[in-house]
Amino acid sequence: MRIRAFIVMLCATLSLSAQNVTGRITCKGKGVPNVVVSDGYELTKTNQAGYYELRSLKQNGYVFYTLPSGYEPEVKNGFYPMFWAPLTEDTNTREEHNFQLKKVKNKNHYMVAGADSHLAARMNDLTQFRNGFLESLKREIKKAGKTPIYSTILGDLAWDTYWYKNNYGPKHLMQTLTDEGYPIILFPVIGNHDNNGAIPAGKDCDFLSSGMFRKVICPNYYSYNLGEVHYVVLDDIYYKNTETGGKYNKGIVGSRNYDAYITPTQFNWLRKDLEQVDKETPIIVGVHIPVWNLRQNTFEVFPSLTSHNNENSSEALCELLKDFKQVLIISGHTHYNYHAHPEAYPNIHENNIAAICATWWTTGELSGRHICKDGSPGGYELFTIRGKDIKWQYHSTEKNGDVQFRLYDMNKVKEFYQTDETMKAILKKYDNRLDYGSIGDNLILLNVFNYDTDWKIEVKENGVSLPLKRVTTEDPLHTLAYDVPKFKADGVYGTGSAAGKTSHIFFIQASTATEDVNVRVTDSFGQVYTSKFHRPAPFTIEIP
């Protein structure tokens, strides 16, 4: 009898010791049951008293919980959600990590989704960030009133090129957010520029290069619930940092290159994560690099993530999500706006969001305007969530707020291209540059920043509807905001920062050069935006 009791006790002890990560999740001292806890590989749940146990190989170096609906995490410094904890490397070390929750009614909430802040202590970026994005967040908080509001930045929070050159890396970024009083809970996403360029190429480069992000900011993939929405954050950068023998910035040992795909490890975790979620639950997936893109001119949707083991990451992700009623992928990386609807997955819609930093903060420094390469103002998407109903609207960090489109009198743009000496020099030096000096007469260019295929555009001149055509072309204001002042100062400009062709532009053929035009734009949710465009209209940097 004593032997049997001893064996039972020994088995219980061995079972307990096998669980090397334990803890409790509480709210006001009371355990919260059924909270999913993970190390990025294995999942478990808290029991009725809020306790969890997990056997972890500690590969990722962290443990996190999936925030349950109706709660907020403990928050540090006003914005930093404490939903995770670092783990020791020793798998034989038993460690305890406890978490606290705060009960909140967030069935209805707002989500501010920005991308590409690229803070690097250059181009007066910290001041622009403070006066633009942070002030915009404060306005959103005021408008939200008592409704909870949250935020995410979809990668490239800092800029690996300048981690060592300017002594500004993830730790400095987090200190900036603390010092500036970042005002909303932030759920970060890792971007390619959030990887460490000091890690040499090799089989462990991808894992090691994200180490600083994982240690200082948060896990590189995780999930959380707000209200009735399940949010998923993924790392779709496979960092390679190939050494090419070139000259690199201080501290960098490779070309900082990468593949755009999601690792099998993440897919294995995601499959387990989604098994905990009802198929009627709306899913919002945050990534940095777009999952789907648009072909120039044809606007055809195509997968933009690469393959692994003969499996395309874009399609593999959507296969995991295809049975959910509504899936919204939000991404950054491109510094322009577009929407993609993959035909094979009618439940999935991708919203690629233009940059907080616009054109890497340069247009603000050069011209005082905050303009992305596609002509969109630097800004973010504001998601309004009411239960399972999700709506969105693009917001500018410029003072024009939620302006949705811009109009150009192309007669005046044409004149500028023909007569401005700097513009003529640009066209001469860059012979493949688009020349609006040869465009037809009496055209109006309409740039609808957040255009989607279900938007409705009506243009009338003297009560008569004017024809319009969707085109892929450049936004002229970006030329004034970046290309011209940069070339005037240096005799060259960065081709990667110059005005880029975009797919949310329309040409309107007016009948005269002087008649006013009325424009009415209706978005996906029936919100109407109107403008009376007085012509002739000047082409200047002050265009709203």
Protein backbone atom coordinates (compact mmCIF):
# COMPACT_ATOMS: atom_id res chain seq x y z
CA MET A 1 0.00 0.00 0.00
CA ARG A 2 2.81 2.38 0.92
CA ILE A 3 4.64 1.50 -2.29
CA ARG A 4 1.55 2.21 -4.38
CA ALA A 5 1.04 5.60 -2.65
CA PHE A 6 4.68 6.42 -3.20
CA ILE A 7 4.40 5.58 -6.93
CA VAL A 8 1.26 7.74 -7.29
CA MET A 9 3.01 10.64 -5.54
CA LEU A 10 6.13 10.19 -7.68
CA CYS A 11 4.12 10.16 -10.91
CA ALA A 12 2.29 13.30 -9.83
CA THR A 13 5.58 15.01 -9.03
CA LEU A 14 7.12 14.02 -12.36
CA SER A 15 4.02 15.23 -14.22
CA LEU A 16 4.14 18.56 -12.43
CA SER A 17 7.87 19.01 -13.01
CA ALA A 18 7.38 18.36 -16.72
CA GLN A 19 5.42 21.61 -16.89
CA ASN A 20 8.31 24.08 -16.80
CA VAL A 21 6.28 27.27 -17.40
CA THR A 22 3.44 27.98 -15.02
CA GLY A 23 1.48 30.92 -13.72
CA ARG A 24 -1.89 32.47 -13.07
CA ILE A 25 -4.00 35.01 -14.94
CA THR A 26 -6.21 37.12 -12.71
CA CYS A 27 -8.57 40.08 -12.73
CA LYS A 28 -8.85 41.93 -9.42
CA GLY A 29 -7.29 38.92 -7.71
CA LYS A 30 -9.75 36.42 -9.15
CA GLY A 31 -8.60 33.75 -11.59
CA VAL A 32 -9.75 34.08 -15.20
CA PRO A 33 -10.57 30.67 -16.75
CA ASN A 34 -10.13 29.42 -20.34
CA VAL A 35 -7.45 31.95 -21.34
CA VAL A 36 -5.20 30.54 -24.08
CA VAL A 37 -1.48 30.61 -23.19
CA SER A 38 1.31 29.80 -25.64
CA ASP A 39 5.05 29.87 -26.23
CA GLY A 40 4.55 30.15 -29.99
CA TYR A 41 4.63 26.36 -30.32
CA GLU A 42 2.36 24.79 -27.73
CA LEU A 43 -1.00 26.01 -26.41
CA THR A 44 -2.73 25.47 -23.10
CA LYS A 45 -5.59 27.10 -21.22
CA THR A 46 -6.04 28.42 -17.72
CA ASN A 47 -8.20 26.31 -15.41
CA GLN A 48 -11.23 27.56 -13.47
CA ALA A 49 -8.93 29.21 -10.93
CA GLY A 50 -6.88 30.96 -13.64
CA TYR A 51 -3.79 28.73 -13.38
CA TYR A 52 -1.92 27.43 -16.42
CA GLU A 53 0.89 24.91 -16.94
CA LEU A 54 2.93 24.49 -20.08
CA ARG A 55 5.78 22.24 -21.12
CA SER A 56 7.96 24.48 -23.28
CA LEU A 57 11.21 23.97 -25.13
CA LYS A 58 11.53 27.77 -24.88
CA GLN A 59 12.53 28.09 -28.54
CA ASN A 60 11.15 31.63 -28.96
CA GLY A 61 12.19 32.86 -25.55
CA TYR A 62 8.77 34.04 -24.45
CA VAL A 63 5.35 33.02 -23.17
CA PHE A 64 2.19 34.98 -23.98
CA TYR A 65 -1.52 34.75 -23.47
CA THR A 66 -4.26 35.51 -25.97
CA LEU A 67 -6.18 38.42 -24.49
CA PRO A 68 -9.76 37.26 -23.90
CA SER A 69 -12.75 39.29 -25.05
CA GLY A 70 -14.00 41.84 -22.56
CA TYR A 71 -10.60 42.54 -21.04
CA GLU A 72 -7.53 44.70 -21.47
CA PRO A 73 -4.00 43.67 -20.46
CA GLU A 74 -1.99 45.26 -17.74
CA VAL A 75 -0.37 48.31 -19.37
CA LYS A 76 3.05 49.83 -18.74
CA ASN A 77 3.86 53.48 -19.48
CA GLY A 78 0.34 54.09 -20.75
CA PHE A 79 0.70 52.09 -23.98
CA TYR A 80 2.79 48.95 -23.51
CA PRO A 81 0.59 45.83 -23.11
CA MET A 82 2.02 43.26 -20.68
CA PHE A 83 0.56 40.16 -22.34
CA TRP A 84 3.88 38.35 -22.55
CA ALA A 85 6.99 37.57 -20.53
CA PRO A 86 10.54 36.49 -21.44
CA LEU A 87 11.66 32.95 -20.67
CA THR A 88 15.05 31.68 -19.56
CA GLU A 89 16.93 29.48 -22.02
CA ASP A 90 17.24 26.51 -19.69
CA THR A 91 14.38 24.07 -20.29
CA ASN A 92 15.13 22.43 -16.94
CA THR A 93 14.38 25.67 -15.14
CA ARG A 94 10.82 25.82 -13.88
CA GLU A 95 9.55 29.40 -14.00
CA GLU A 96 6.37 31.21 -13.07
CA HIS A 97 4.81 34.10 -14.96
CA ASN A 98 1.62 35.69 -13.71
CA PHE A 99 -0.52 38.20 -15.61
CA GLN A 100 -3.24 40.64 -14.64
CA LEU A 101 -6.27 41.64 -16.67
CA LYS A 102 -8.65 44.57 -16.49
CA LYS A 103 -12.35 44.08 -17.20
CA VAL A 104 -13.64 46.44 -19.92
CA LYS A 105 -16.63 46.67 -22.24
CA ASN A 106 -14.97 46.57 -25.67
CA LYS A 107 -17.61 44.89 -27.82
CA ASN A 108 -17.64 48.25 -29.56
CA HIS A 109 -14.17 49.71 -30.06
CA TYR A 110 -11.87 51.55 -32.44
CA MET A 111 -8.58 50.34 -33.86
CA VAL A 112 -6.04 52.78 -35.27
CA ALA A 113 -3.93 50.84 -37.79
CA GLY A 114 -0.81 52.63 -38.94
CA ALA A 115 2.29 51.30 -40.64
CA ASP A 116 5.93 52.20 -41.18
CA SER A 117 6.80 54.82 -38.59
CA HIS A 118 10.51 54.37 -39.49
CA LEU A 119 11.81 56.31 -36.51
CA ALA A 120 15.57 56.71 -36.80
CA ALA A 121 16.57 60.13 -35.37
CA ARG A 122 16.87 61.63 -38.86
CA MET A 123 14.97 64.09 -41.08
CA ASN A 124 13.46 65.68 -37.96
CA ASP A 125 11.38 62.50 -37.74
CA LEU A 126 10.80 62.50 -33.99
CA THR A 127 9.31 66.00 -34.12
CA GLN A 128 7.20 65.14 -37.16
CA PHE A 129 6.01 61.96 -35.42
CA ARG A 130 5.04 63.94 -32.33
CA ASN A 131 3.32 66.80 -34.15
CA GLY A 132 1.62 64.56 -36.72
CA PHE A 133 0.80 61.02 -35.67
CA LEU A 134 0.71 61.50 -31.90
CA GLU A 135 -1.46 64.60 -32.19
CA SER A 136 -3.77 62.65 -34.50
CA LEU A 137 -4.06 59.88 -31.90
CA LYS A 138 -5.09 62.43 -29.30
CA ARG A 139 -7.80 63.70 -31.62
CA GLU A 140 -9.03 60.13 -32.16
CA ILE A 141 -9.18 59.56 -28.41
CA LYS A 142 -11.24 62.70 -27.97
CA LYS A 143 -13.65 61.70 -30.75
CA ALA A 144 -13.93 58.14 -29.40
CA GLY A 145 -15.25 59.44 -26.09
CA LYS A 146 -16.03 56.54 -23.77
CA THR A 147 -15.59 53.89 -26.50
CA PRO A 148 -12.30 51.97 -26.04
CA ILE A 149 -9.65 52.73 -28.66
CA TYR A 150 -6.52 50.72 -29.47
CA SER A 151 -3.69 50.88 -31.98
CA THR A 152 -1.33 48.77 -34.03
CA ILE A 153 1.72 49.70 -36.09
CA LEU A 154 2.13 47.22 -38.93
CA GLY A 155 5.90 46.90 -38.95
CA ASP A 156 8.99 49.02 -39.51
CA LEU A 157 8.56 50.83 -36.24
CA ALA A 158 12.28 51.70 -36.28
CA TRP A 159 14.83 51.42 -39.12
CA ASP A 160 17.63 48.85 -39.05
CA THR A 161 19.87 51.00 -41.25
CA TYR A 162 20.20 53.53 -38.42
CA TRP A 163 20.26 51.31 -35.33
CA TYR A 164 24.02 51.72 -35.08
CA LYS A 165 24.71 54.65 -37.38
CA ASN A 166 22.40 56.96 -35.43
CA ASN A 167 22.36 54.94 -32.20
CA TYR A 168 18.60 54.59 -32.52
CA GLY A 169 17.20 51.08 -32.25
CA PRO A 170 14.23 49.32 -30.62
CA LYS A 171 15.17 50.41 -27.10
CA HIS A 172 15.37 54.03 -28.20
CA LEU A 173 12.06 53.67 -30.03
CA MET A 174 10.33 52.39 -26.90
CA GLN A 175 11.89 55.21 -24.89
CA THR A 176 10.61 57.74 -27.42
CA LEU A 177 7.08 56.35 -27.13
CA THR A 178 7.38 56.55 -23.35
CA ASP A 179 8.84 60.06 -23.28
CA GLU A 180 6.31 61.39 -25.79
CA GLY A 181 3.42 59.83 -23.92
CA TYR A 182 2.11 57.50 -26.61
CA PRO A 183 -1.57 57.64 -25.60
CA ILE A 184 -3.14 54.33 -26.71
CA ILE A 185 -2.46 50.65 -26.04
CA LEU A 186 -0.18 49.51 -28.88
CA PHE A 187 -0.10 46.02 -30.42
CA PRO A 188 3.08 46.04 -32.59
CA VAL A 189 3.86 44.02 -35.73
CA ILE A 190 7.41 43.22 -36.80
CA GLY A 191 8.65 44.57 -40.15
CA ASN A 192 11.74 43.90 -42.24
CA HIS A 193 13.43 47.01 -40.81
CA ASP A 194 12.78 45.74 -37.27
CA ASN A 195 15.35 42.97 -37.80
CA ASN A 196 18.96 43.28 -36.71
CA GLY A 197 21.36 43.85 -39.59
CA ALA A 198 24.30 43.01 -37.32
CA ILE A 199 23.36 39.31 -37.42
CA PRO A 200 25.40 37.53 -40.12
CA ALA A 201 23.80 35.35 -42.78
CA GLY A 202 23.27 31.71 -41.89
CA LYS A 203 20.63 29.18 -41.02
CA ASP A 204 19.73 30.96 -37.76
CA CYS A 205 19.82 34.50 -39.18
CA ASP A 206 16.05 34.91 -39.41
CA PHE A 207 15.46 33.82 -35.83
CA LEU A 208 18.39 35.69 -34.33
CA SER A 209 17.77 38.90 -36.26
CA SER A 210 14.28 39.20 -34.77
CA GLY A 211 15.72 38.66 -31.29
CA MET A 212 15.95 42.35 -30.42
CA PHE A 213 12.30 42.88 -31.36
CA ARG A 214 11.24 39.83 -29.34
CA LYS A 215 13.22 40.91 -26.29
CA VAL A 216 12.46 44.63 -26.30
CA ILE A 217 9.08 45.07 -27.98
CA CYS A 218 6.97 41.90 -27.98
CA PRO A 219 6.60 38.45 -29.59
CA ASN A 220 6.93 38.47 -33.37
CA TYR A 221 3.68 36.53 -33.67
CA TYR A 222 0.73 36.31 -31.28
CA SER A 223 -3.04 36.83 -31.06
CA TYR A 224 -5.56 38.77 -28.98
CA ASN A 225 -9.30 39.36 -28.79
CA LEU A 226 -11.04 42.72 -28.58
CA GLY A 227 -14.79 42.53 -28.32
CA GLU A 228 -16.07 40.03 -30.87
CA VAL A 229 -12.99 40.27 -33.12
CA HIS A 230 -10.02 37.89 -33.06
CA TYR A 231 -6.78 39.65 -34.00
CA VAL A 232 -3.74 37.73 -35.24
CA VAL A 233 -0.22 39.16 -35.66
CA LEU A 234 2.22 37.33 -37.95
CA ASP A 235 5.86 37.77 -38.98
CA ASP A 236 6.02 37.44 -42.77
CA ILE A 237 9.71 38.39 -43.12
CA TYR A 238 12.34 35.69 -43.49
CA TYR A 239 15.48 37.73 -42.88
CA LYS A 240 18.62 36.61 -44.75
CA ASN A 241 21.13 39.52 -44.56
CA THR A 242 23.29 38.09 -47.35
CA GLU A 243 26.86 39.35 -47.40
CA THR A 244 27.70 40.68 -50.88
CA GLY A 245 31.03 42.38 -50.25
CA GLY A 246 29.47 45.82 -50.48
CA LYS A 247 29.88 48.76 -48.14
CA TYR A 248 27.37 48.79 -45.30
CA ASN A 249 26.37 51.28 -42.66
CA LYS A 250 27.99 51.14 -39.24
CA GLY A 251 27.21 47.87 -37.45
CA ILE A 252 25.53 46.23 -40.47
CA VAL A 253 27.16 43.05 -41.83
CA GLY A 254 24.98 42.22 -44.84
CA SER A 255 22.58 43.54 -47.44
CA ARG A 256 19.56 43.31 -45.09
CA ASN A 257 17.69 41.27 -47.70
CA TYR A 258 14.83 38.92 -46.90
CA ASP A 259 12.17 36.69 -48.36
CA ALA A 260 8.51 37.51 -47.86
CA TYR A 261 6.95 34.39 -46.43
CA ILE A 262 5.49 32.90 -43.27
CA THR A 263 7.45 30.09 -41.64
CA PRO A 264 5.98 26.61 -41.05
CA THR A 265 6.42 27.14 -37.31
CA GLN A 266 4.01 30.06 -37.42
CA PHE A 267 1.52 28.12 -39.52
CA ASN A 268 1.60 25.28 -37.00
CA TRP A 269 0.93 27.72 -34.17
CA LEU A 270 -1.74 29.58 -36.16
CA ARG A 271 -3.60 26.37 -36.91
CA LYS A 272 -3.81 25.65 -33.18
CA ASP A 273 -4.76 29.25 -32.41
CA LEU A 274 -7.62 29.30 -34.93
CA GLU A 275 -8.99 26.03 -33.57
CA GLN A 276 -9.96 28.02 -30.48
CA VAL A 277 -12.01 30.51 -32.53
CA ASP A 278 -15.60 30.19 -33.74
CA LYS A 279 -15.95 30.42 -37.53
CA GLU A 280 -18.48 33.26 -37.19
CA THR A 281 -15.88 35.41 -35.43
CA PRO A 282 -14.39 38.18 -37.59
CA ILE A 283 -10.62 37.77 -38.00
CA ILE A 284 -8.21 40.67 -38.48
CA VAL A 285 -4.69 39.56 -39.45
CA GLY A 286 -1.88 42.09 -39.06
CA VAL A 287 1.27 41.60 -41.15
CA HIS A 288 3.94 43.88 -42.53
CA ILE A 289 4.48 42.73 -46.11
CA PRO A 290 1.22 42.47 -48.09
CA VAL A 291 -0.21 39.01 -48.61
CA TRP A 292 -1.84 40.09 -51.91
CA ASN A 293 -0.90 42.81 -54.37
CA LEU A 294 -2.27 44.46 -57.51
CA ARG A 295 -0.74 44.32 -60.98
CA GLN A 296 -0.13 47.68 -62.59
CA ASN A 297 -2.67 48.72 -65.25
CA THR A 298 -4.82 45.56 -65.02
CA PHE A 299 -5.47 45.81 -61.24
CA GLU A 300 -5.32 42.02 -61.11
CA VAL A 301 -4.81 40.54 -57.64
CA PHE A 302 -1.80 38.24 -57.19
CA PRO A 303 -0.04 36.63 -54.21
CA SER A 304 2.94 38.64 -52.98
CA LEU A 305 4.41 36.22 -50.42
CA THR A 306 6.90 33.65 -51.67
CA SER A 307 6.82 29.87 -51.44
CA HIS A 308 8.21 27.44 -48.93
CA ASN A 309 8.43 23.70 -49.65
CA ASN A 310 6.37 24.24 -52.81
CA GLU A 311 3.62 25.93 -50.77
CA ASN A 312 2.80 29.57 -51.49
CA SER A 313 2.56 31.48 -48.19
CA SER A 314 -0.25 33.75 -49.40
CA GLU A 315 -2.43 30.82 -50.41
CA ALA A 316 -1.42 28.71 -47.41
CA LEU A 317 -2.50 31.49 -45.05
CA CYS A 318 -5.81 31.94 -46.82
CA GLU A 319 -6.43 28.19 -46.78
CA LEU A 320 -6.26 28.31 -42.98
CA LEU A 321 -8.70 31.23 -42.97
CA LYS A 322 -11.10 30.23 -45.74
CA ASP A 323 -13.80 28.82 -43.45
CA PHE A 324 -14.16 31.96 -41.37
CA LYS A 325 -17.06 34.22 -42.31
CA GLN A 326 -15.08 37.48 -42.49
CA VAL A 327 -11.31 37.92 -42.68
CA LEU A 328 -9.55 41.26 -43.04
CA ILE A 329 -5.80 41.33 -43.66
CA ILE A 330 -4.14 44.63 -42.81
CA SER A 331 -0.59 45.30 -44.03
CA GLY A 332 1.97 48.04 -44.64
CA HIS A 333 5.44 48.04 -46.24
CA THR A 334 4.52 49.67 -49.58
CA HIS A 335 3.89 53.23 -48.31
CA TYR A 336 0.71 53.45 -50.39
CA ASN A 337 -2.95 52.51 -50.14
CA TYR A 338 -4.79 49.76 -51.95
CA HIS A 339 -7.42 47.07 -51.42
CA ALA A 340 -7.16 43.50 -52.73
CA HIS A 341 -9.88 40.87 -53.04
CA PRO A 342 -8.39 37.46 -53.92
CA GLU A 343 -10.92 35.78 -56.20
CA ALA A 344 -10.39 32.29 -54.79
CA TYR A 345 -11.11 33.49 -51.25
CA PRO A 346 -14.26 35.63 -51.27
CA ASN A 347 -14.29 35.89 -47.46
CA ILE A 348 -10.85 37.55 -47.44
CA HIS A 349 -10.12 41.23 -48.06
CA GLU A 350 -6.70 42.86 -47.75
CA ASN A 351 -6.29 46.51 -46.84
CA ASN A 352 -2.75 47.74 -47.48
CA ILE A 353 -2.25 50.95 -45.54
CA ALA A 354 -0.01 53.88 -46.47
CA ALA A 355 2.74 55.04 -44.13
CA ILE A 356 2.81 57.05 -40.93
CA CYS A 357 6.17 58.38 -42.13
CA ALA A 358 4.78 59.07 -45.64
CA THR A 359 7.92 59.12 -47.83
CA TRP A 360 10.31 58.27 -44.99
CA TRP A 361 9.70 61.72 -43.41
CA THR A 362 11.42 63.48 -46.32
CA THR A 363 8.47 65.41 -47.76
CA GLY A 364 7.73 66.94 -44.38
CA GLU A 365 11.35 68.04 -44.04
CA LEU A 366 11.65 69.33 -47.63
CA SER A 367 8.29 70.98 -48.21
CA GLY A 368 6.21 70.90 -45.06
CA ARG A 369 3.75 68.42 -46.63
CA HIS A 370 3.32 64.85 -45.47
CA ILE A 371 2.77 62.93 -48.72
CA CYS A 372 3.24 59.25 -49.56
CA LYS A 373 4.54 58.05 -52.92
CA ASP A 374 1.00 57.40 -54.14
CA GLY A 375 -0.12 60.93 -53.24
CA SER A 376 -2.00 59.80 -50.15
CA PRO A 377 -1.31 61.98 -47.13
CA GLY A 378 0.74 60.24 -44.47
CA GLY A 379 -1.73 58.65 -42.12
CA TYR A 380 -3.50 55.54 -40.90
CA GLU A 381 -6.72 53.55 -41.17
CA LEU A 382 -9.32 54.00 -38.45
CA PHE A 383 -11.42 50.87 -37.93
CA THR A 384 -14.79 51.25 -36.27
CA ILE A 385 -15.92 47.94 -34.75
CA ARG A 386 -19.48 47.49 -33.53
CA GLY A 387 -19.79 43.87 -32.48
CA LYS A 388 -19.09 41.88 -35.64
CA ASP A 389 -19.59 44.89 -37.93
CA ILE A 390 -16.32 46.43 -39.14
CA LYS A 391 -15.97 49.72 -41.05
CA TRP A 392 -12.90 51.72 -41.93
CA GLN A 393 -11.79 55.14 -43.10
CA TYR A 394 -8.37 56.53 -44.00
CA HIS A 395 -7.24 59.44 -41.84
CA SER A 396 -4.47 61.91 -42.57
CA THR A 397 -1.90 63.14 -40.07
CA GLU A 398 -2.02 66.45 -41.92
CA LYS A 399 -4.50 69.04 -40.68
CA ASN A 400 -7.04 68.05 -43.35
CA GLY A 401 -7.96 65.03 -41.19
CA ASP A 402 -10.24 62.62 -42.98
CA VAL A 403 -10.07 64.13 -46.50
CA GLN A 404 -10.54 61.23 -48.92
CA PHE A 405 -9.47 62.59 -52.29
CA ARG A 406 -7.55 65.32 -54.10
CA LEU A 407 -8.24 67.04 -57.44
CA TYR A 408 -5.80 68.53 -59.94
CA ASP A 409 -6.40 70.84 -62.87
CA MET A 410 -4.07 69.08 -65.29
CA ASN A 411 -3.88 72.14 -67.54
CA LYS A 412 -1.93 73.81 -64.73
CA VAL A 413 0.11 70.67 -64.04
CA LYS A 414 0.95 70.49 -67.74
CA GLU A 415 2.06 74.12 -67.72
CA PHE A 416 4.32 73.48 -64.71
CA TYR A 417 6.00 70.52 -66.39
CA GLN A 418 6.58 72.59 -69.53
CA THR A 419 7.91 75.75 -67.88
CA ASP A 420 9.48 75.02 -64.48
CA GLU A 421 13.26 74.85 -64.89
CA THR A 422 13.81 72.26 -62.16
CA MET A 423 11.08 70.03 -63.57
CA LYS A 424 12.57 70.30 -67.05
CA ALA A 425 15.98 69.33 -65.63
CA ILE A 426 14.41 66.31 -63.90
CA LEU A 427 12.79 65.15 -67.13
CA LYS A 428 16.09 65.53 -68.95
CA LYS A 429 18.12 63.61 -66.37
CA TYR A 430 15.53 60.86 -65.81
CA ASP A 431 14.46 60.05 -69.34
CA ASN A 432 12.05 57.32 -68.20
CA ARG A 433 10.18 59.79 -66.03
CA LEU A 434 6.47 60.34 -66.72
CA ASP A 435 6.03 63.73 -68.45
CA TYR A 436 2.72 65.44 -67.78
CA GLY A 437 3.86 68.22 -70.12
CA SER A 438 2.54 66.22 -73.05
CA ILE A 439 -0.84 65.33 -71.56
CA GLY A 440 -4.10 66.27 -73.32
CA ASP A 441 -6.10 69.43 -72.63
CA ASN A 442 -8.81 69.97 -70.02
CA LEU A 443 -8.14 66.85 -68.01
CA ILE A 444 -8.78 66.63 -64.28
CA LEU A 445 -6.89 64.13 -62.13
CA LEU A 446 -8.76 62.65 -59.17
CA ASN A 447 -6.78 60.72 -56.55
CA VAL A 448 -9.11 58.74 -54.23
CA PHE A 449 -6.70 57.67 -51.52
CA ASN A 450 -8.56 54.67 -50.07
CA TYR A 451 -10.47 53.65 -53.20
CA ASP A 452 -12.00 50.20 -53.38
CA THR A 453 -13.91 48.62 -56.25
CA ASP A 454 -17.29 49.12 -54.58
CA TRP A 455 -16.81 52.88 -54.23
CA LYS A 456 -18.96 55.10 -56.44
CA ILE A 457 -17.59 58.24 -58.13
CA GLU A 458 -19.80 60.85 -59.81
CA VAL A 459 -18.43 63.92 -61.58
CA LYS A 460 -20.60 66.62 -63.15
CA GLU A 461 -19.93 69.77 -65.14
CA ASN A 462 -22.97 72.06 -65.49
CA GLY A 463 -25.15 69.15 -64.40
CA VAL A 464 -23.77 66.85 -67.08
CA SER A 465 -21.91 63.70 -66.04
CA LEU A 466 -18.29 63.57 -67.19
CA PRO A 467 -16.52 60.39 -68.26
CA LEU A 468 -13.76 59.13 -65.99
CA LYS A 469 -11.20 56.37 -66.37
CA ARG A 470 -9.22 54.54 -63.72
CA VAL A 471 -5.53 54.69 -64.58
CA THR A 472 -2.16 53.76 -63.11
CA THR A 473 -0.11 56.93 -62.93
CA GLU A 474 1.70 59.40 -60.65
CA ASP A 475 0.26 61.88 -58.20
CA PRO A 476 1.57 65.37 -59.08
CA LEU A 477 1.66 66.71 -55.51
CA HIS A 478 4.32 64.21 -54.51
CA THR A 479 6.47 65.65 -57.31
CA LEU A 480 6.17 69.08 -55.70
CA ALA A 481 6.63 67.76 -52.18
CA TYR A 482 9.70 65.57 -52.78
CA ASP A 483 11.05 65.27 -56.32
CA VAL A 484 11.42 68.97 -57.12
CA PRO A 485 12.90 70.25 -53.82
CA LYS A 486 15.19 67.24 -53.48
CA PHE A 487 16.51 67.63 -57.03
CA LYS A 488 16.85 71.39 -56.61
CA ALA A 489 18.98 70.86 -53.50
CA ASP A 490 21.12 67.91 -54.65
CA GLY A 491 20.84 67.63 -58.43
CA VAL A 492 19.49 64.08 -57.93
CA TYR A 493 16.80 62.33 -55.96
CA GLY A 494 16.31 58.83 -54.64
CA THR A 495 14.39 56.94 -57.28
CA GLY A 496 12.88 54.76 -54.57
CA SER A 497 11.41 57.86 -52.95
CA ALA A 498 10.24 59.62 -56.11
CA ALA A 499 6.59 59.77 -57.12
CA GLY A 500 5.34 56.25 -57.78
CA LYS A 501 2.55 54.98 -59.97
CA THR A 502 -0.61 54.11 -58.13
CA SER A 503 -3.90 52.42 -58.91
CA HIS A 504 -6.40 54.74 -57.19
CA ILE A 505 -6.21 57.62 -59.69
CA PHE A 506 -8.83 58.64 -62.25
CA PHE A 507 -8.67 60.91 -65.29
CA ILE A 508 -11.75 63.03 -65.95
CA GLN A 509 -12.25 64.68 -69.33
CA ALA A 510 -13.81 68.12 -68.91
CA SER A 511 -15.28 70.01 -71.84
CA THR A 512 -13.67 73.37 -71.03
CA ALA A 513 -10.74 74.80 -69.10
CA THR A 514 -12.81 77.06 -66.85
CA GLU A 515 -16.06 75.43 -65.79
CA ASP A 516 -16.42 74.29 -62.17
CA VAL A 517 -16.79 70.57 -61.57
CA ASN A 518 -18.76 68.86 -58.79
CA VAL A 519 -17.36 65.60 -57.43
CA ARG A 520 -19.27 63.14 -55.27
CA VAL A 521 -17.52 60.06 -53.87
CA THR A 522 -19.34 57.34 -51.93
CA ASP A 523 -17.28 54.79 -50.00
CA SER A 524 -17.93 51.14 -49.16
CA PHE A 525 -20.17 52.06 -46.23
CA GLY A 526 -22.30 54.74 -47.85
CA GLN A 527 -20.32 57.67 -46.48
CA VAL A 528 -20.43 60.52 -49.02
CA TYR A 529 -17.63 63.02 -49.68
CA THR A 530 -18.18 65.99 -51.99
CA SER A 531 -16.14 68.82 -53.49
CA LYS A 532 -16.83 71.73 -55.81
CA PHE A 533 -13.68 72.09 -57.87
CA HIS A 534 -13.15 75.65 -59.10
CA ARG A 535 -11.22 75.92 -62.36
CA PRO A 536 -8.73 76.98 -63.40
CA ALA A 537 -7.12 75.68 -60.20
CA PRO A 538 -3.51 76.52 -59.29
CA PHE A 539 -0.92 73.77 -59.00
CA THR A 540 0.99 74.60 -55.81
CA ILE A 541 2.34 72.88 -52.72
CA GLU A 542 -0.68 74.23 -50.79
CA ILE A 543 -3.19 71.99 -52.62
CA PRO A 544 -5.38 70.53 -49.83
